[in-house]
Amino acid sequence: MKVNKTNWKKELARDFLAMGSWVFFILVVVRILILPYRWPYLTHLLVAGGLILLIDIFVRWKVDSYLSRGIIIGFYLAIFYENTMFSIFVKIALAGLVASSWYLGNNWKKIGYGIILGLVGVGIRFIL
C-alpha cells in the first residue's frame, strides 16, 4: 500500500483559506436567511460580497480575495453570534488566514490589499 505523505502545514493553510471561499460565503448567507431579523446582516454581507466580486473580476491578481472575504465573514459572524469566545476564535482564525496566505506564497502587498478590501467591506456596515 502506498502512503501519501502530504505536507500538513500546507494542508492546514489551505483549510484556513477555505474560510474565505465563495462556498463558505454562500453558506453564511444561507444561514443568515433562516433568521427572522436577518435584513441588516444580509444587506451588509451582500453589498460587501458584491464589492469583492467586482474587485475579483477586474484585479484578481493584485488582491487576496480569500482573505478579504474571510475578514468580512468573520466580522459579521462575530457580530451575529455576540459571543466573546466565538469572537476570540474568529480573531485567531483570521490571524491563521493571514499567515496561511503568506505561507502559500502570496506576497505582503497582495495580502495587504486583501486586508484593506476586507476592512472596506466591513466599513460598509457603518455607511449603510
C-alpha atoms as a PDB file:
ATOM      1  CA  MET A   1       0.000   0.000   0.000  1.00  0.00           C
ATOM      2  CA  LYS A   2       1.326   3.407  -0.965  1.00  0.00           C
ATOM      3  CA  VAL A   3       1.389   6.027   1.776  1.00  0.00           C
ATOM      4  CA  ASN A   4       0.673   9.579   0.693  1.00  0.00           C
ATOM      5  CA  LYS A   5       2.876  11.903   2.711  1.00  0.00           C
ATOM      6  CA  THR A   6       1.365  15.348   2.452  1.00  0.00           C
ATOM      7  CA  ASN A   7       2.784  18.462   3.996  1.00  0.00           C
ATOM      8  CA  TRP A   8       0.489  19.042   6.990  1.00  0.00           C
ATOM      9  CA  LYS A   9       1.390  22.754   7.125  1.00  0.00           C
ATOM     10  CA  LYS A  10       0.306  23.280   3.528  1.00  0.00           C
ATOM     11  CA  GLU A  11      -2.871  21.298   4.161  1.00  0.00           C
ATOM     12  CA  LEU A  12      -3.687  23.397   7.246  1.00  0.00           C
ATOM     13  CA  ALA A  13      -3.003  26.607   5.307  1.00  0.00           C
ATOM     14  CA  ARG A  14      -5.433  25.538   2.584  1.00  0.00           C
ATOM     15  CA  ASP A  15      -8.035  24.750   5.241  1.00  0.00           C
ATOM     16  CA  PHE A  16      -7.687  28.262   6.663  1.00  0.00           C
ATOM     17  CA  LEU A  17      -8.036  29.796   3.188  1.00  0.00           C
ATOM     18  CA  ALA A  18     -11.208  27.788   2.634  1.00  0.00           C
ATOM     19  CA  MET A  19     -12.819  30.060   5.217  1.00  0.00           C
ATOM     20  CA  GLY A  20     -12.657  32.822   2.601  1.00  0.00           C
ATOM     21  CA  SER A  21     -14.112  30.820  -0.277  1.00  0.00           C
ATOM     22  CA  TRP A  22     -17.301  31.720  -2.122  1.00  0.00           C
ATOM     23  CA  VAL A  23     -18.829  28.413  -0.976  1.00  0.00           C
ATOM     24  CA  PHE A  24     -18.358  29.364   2.679  1.00  0.00           C
ATOM     25  CA  PHE A  25     -19.602  32.896   1.950  1.00  0.00           C
ATOM     26  CA  ILE A  26     -22.826  31.499   0.445  1.00  0.00           C
ATOM     27  CA  LEU A  27     -23.164  29.096   3.387  1.00  0.00           C
ATOM     28  CA  VAL A  28     -23.071  32.078   5.775  1.00  0.00           C
ATOM     29  CA  VAL A  29     -25.622  33.992   3.657  1.00  0.00           C
ATOM     30  CA  VAL A  30     -27.986  30.996   3.698  1.00  0.00           C
ATOM     31  CA  ARG A  31     -27.517  30.672   7.470  1.00  0.00           C
ATOM     32  CA  ILE A  32     -28.490  34.310   7.903  1.00  0.00           C
ATOM     33  CA  LEU A  33     -31.549  33.843   5.648  1.00  0.00           C
ATOM     34  CA  ILE A  34     -33.013  31.485   8.268  1.00  0.00           C
ATOM     35  CA  LEU A  35     -33.357  34.276  10.844  1.00  0.00           C
ATOM     36  CA  PRO A  36     -36.438  36.455  11.288  1.00  0.00           C
ATOM     37  CA  TYR A  37     -34.316  39.592  11.930  1.00  0.00           C
ATOM     38  CA  ARG A  38     -31.903  38.952   9.081  1.00  0.00           C
ATOM     39  CA  TRP A  39     -32.125  42.066   6.890  1.00  0.00           C
ATOM     40  CA  PRO A  40     -29.362  44.244   8.379  1.00  0.00           C
ATOM     41  CA  TYR A  41     -26.865  41.367   8.362  1.00  0.00           C
ATOM     42  CA  LEU A  42     -27.931  40.149   4.940  1.00  0.00           C
ATOM     43  CA  THR A  43     -27.806  43.580   3.314  1.00  0.00           C
ATOM     44  CA  HIS A  44     -24.317  44.344   4.609  1.00  0.00           C
ATOM     45  CA  LEU A  45     -22.990  40.911   3.708  1.00  0.00           C
ATOM     46  CA  LEU A  46     -24.394  41.013   0.181  1.00  0.00           C
ATOM     47  CA  VAL A  47     -23.109  44.524  -0.521  1.00  0.00           C
ATOM     48  CA  ALA A  48     -19.655  43.606   0.783  1.00  0.00           C
ATOM     49  CA  GLY A  49     -19.722  40.384  -1.249  1.00  0.00           C
ATOM     50  CA  GLY A  50     -20.725  42.309  -4.361  1.00  0.00           C
ATOM     51  CA  LEU A  51     -17.843  44.724  -3.828  1.00  0.00           C
ATOM     52  CA  ILE A  52     -15.393  41.849  -3.520  1.00  0.00           C
ATOM     53  CA  LEU A  53     -16.857  40.185  -6.608  1.00  0.00           C
ATOM     54  CA  LEU A  54     -16.313  43.350  -8.655  1.00  0.00           C
ATOM     55  CA  ILE A  55     -12.747  43.705  -7.421  1.00  0.00           C
ATOM     56  CA  ASP A  56     -12.240  39.985  -8.032  1.00  0.00           C
ATOM     57  CA  ILE A  57     -13.347  40.325 -11.650  1.00  0.00           C
ATOM     58  CA  PHE A  58     -11.136  43.288 -12.514  1.00  0.00           C
ATOM     59  CA  VAL A  59      -7.977  42.985 -10.392  1.00  0.00           C
ATOM     60  CA  ARG A  60      -7.920  39.419  -9.089  1.00  0.00           C
ATOM     61  CA  TRP A  61      -4.155  39.117  -9.404  1.00  0.00           C
ATOM     62  CA  LYS A  62      -3.500  42.092  -7.092  1.00  0.00           C
ATOM     63  CA  VAL A  63      -5.778  41.237  -4.154  1.00  0.00           C
ATOM     64  CA  ASP A  64      -6.050  38.174  -1.946  1.00  0.00           C
ATOM     65  CA  SER A  65      -9.826  37.904  -2.186  1.00  0.00           C
ATOM     66  CA  TYR A  66      -9.915  34.829   0.067  1.00  0.00           C
ATOM     67  CA  LEU A  67      -8.506  36.984   2.817  1.00  0.00           C
ATOM     68  CA  SER A  68     -10.939  39.846   2.208  1.00  0.00           C
ATOM     69  CA  ARG A  69     -13.958  37.503   2.175  1.00  0.00           C
ATOM     70  CA  GLY A  70     -12.657  35.788   5.320  1.00  0.00           C
ATOM     71  CA  ILE A  71     -12.411  39.125   7.141  1.00  0.00           C
ATOM     72  CA  ILE A  72     -15.954  40.063   6.150  1.00  0.00           C
ATOM     73  CA  ILE A  73     -17.363  36.663   7.066  1.00  0.00           C
ATOM     74  CA  GLY A  74     -15.526  36.650  10.395  1.00  0.00           C
ATOM     75  CA  PHE A  75     -16.636  40.169  11.308  1.00  0.00           C
ATOM     76  CA  TYR A  76     -20.305  39.641  10.517  1.00  0.00           C
ATOM     77  CA  LEU A  77     -20.413  36.220  12.180  1.00  0.00           C
ATOM     78  CA  ALA A  78     -18.836  37.662  15.339  1.00  0.00           C
ATOM     79  CA  ILE A  79     -21.484  40.398  15.405  1.00  0.00           C
ATOM     80  CA  PHE A  80     -24.221  37.891  14.617  1.00  0.00           C
ATOM     81  CA  TYR A  81     -23.392  35.477  17.456  1.00  0.00           C
ATOM     82  CA  GLU A  82     -22.476  38.178  20.030  1.00  0.00           C
ATOM     83  CA  ASN A  83     -20.322  35.743  21.999  1.00  0.00           C
ATOM     84  CA  THR A  84     -16.896  36.600  23.423  1.00  0.00           C
ATOM     85  CA  MET A  85     -15.462  33.101  22.975  1.00  0.00           C
ATOM     86  CA  PHE A  86     -16.604  32.985  19.361  1.00  0.00           C
ATOM     87  CA  SER A  87     -15.125  36.448  18.722  1.00  0.00           C
ATOM     88  CA  ILE A  88     -11.775  35.286  20.125  1.00  0.00           C
ATOM     89  CA  PHE A  89     -11.939  32.226  17.885  1.00  0.00           C
ATOM     90  CA  VAL A  90     -12.665  34.423  14.856  1.00  0.00           C
ATOM     91  CA  LYS A  91      -9.626  36.612  15.622  1.00  0.00           C
ATOM     92  CA  ILE A  92      -7.400  33.550  15.885  1.00  0.00           C
ATOM     93  CA  ALA A  93      -8.838  32.150  12.652  1.00  0.00           C
ATOM     94  CA  LEU A  94      -8.246  35.464  10.845  1.00  0.00           C
ATOM     95  CA  ALA A  95      -4.634  35.530  12.062  1.00  0.00           C
ATOM     96  CA  GLY A  96      -4.301  31.994  10.742  1.00  0.00           C
ATOM     97  CA  LEU A  97      -5.824  33.117   7.455  1.00  0.00           C
ATOM     98  CA  VAL A  98      -3.219  35.869   7.051  1.00  0.00           C
ATOM     99  CA  ALA A  99      -0.370  33.518   7.989  1.00  0.00           C
ATOM    100  CA  SER A 100      -1.699  30.857   5.615  1.00  0.00           C
ATOM    101  CA  SER A 101      -1.906  33.283   2.739  1.00  0.00           C
ATOM    102  CA  TRP A 102       1.728  34.225   3.282  1.00  0.00           C
ATOM    103  CA  TYR A 103       2.806  30.601   3.746  1.00  0.00           C
ATOM    104  CA  LEU A 104       1.197  29.579   0.449  1.00  0.00           C
ATOM    105  CA  GLY A 105       3.227  32.172  -1.433  1.00  0.00           C
ATOM    106  CA  ASN A 106       1.255  35.396  -1.594  1.00  0.00           C
ATOM    107  CA  ASN A 107       3.379  38.495  -1.189  1.00  0.00           C
ATOM    108  CA  TRP A 108       2.701  41.038   1.547  1.00  0.00           C
ATOM    109  CA  LYS A 109       1.401  43.602  -0.953  1.00  0.00           C
ATOM    110  CA  LYS A 110      -1.335  41.235  -2.157  1.00  0.00           C
ATOM    111  CA  ILE A 111      -2.127  40.282   1.437  1.00  0.00           C
ATOM    112  CA  GLY A 112      -2.267  43.961   2.423  1.00  0.00           C
ATOM    113  CA  TYR A 113      -4.677  44.768  -0.405  1.00  0.00           C
ATOM    114  CA  GLY A 114      -6.821  41.814   0.683  1.00  0.00           C
ATOM    115  CA  ILE A 115      -6.919  43.120   4.252  1.00  0.00           C
ATOM    116  CA  ILE A 116      -7.780  46.639   3.052  1.00  0.00           C
ATOM    117  CA  LEU A 117     -10.572  45.316   0.826  1.00  0.00           C
ATOM    118  CA  GLY A 118     -11.917  43.250   3.718  1.00  0.00           C
ATOM    119  CA  LEU A 119     -11.882  46.276   6.012  1.00  0.00           C
ATOM    120  CA  VAL A 120     -13.684  48.345   3.359  1.00  0.00           C
ATOM    121  CA  GLY A 121     -16.300  45.591   3.202  1.00  0.00           C
ATOM    122  CA  VAL A 122     -16.623  45.741   6.980  1.00  0.00           C
ATOM    123  CA  GLY A 123     -16.814  49.550   6.830  1.00  0.00           C
ATOM    124  CA  ILE A 124     -19.873  49.295   4.591  1.00  0.00           C
ATOM    125  CA  ARG A 125     -21.772  48.414   7.763  1.00  0.00           C
ATOM    126  CA  PHE A 126     -21.206  51.921   9.074  1.00  0.00           C
ATOM    127  CA  ILE A 127     -22.167  53.596   5.781  1.00  0.00           C
ATOM    128  CA  LEU A 128     -25.434  51.730   5.112  1.00  0.00           C
END
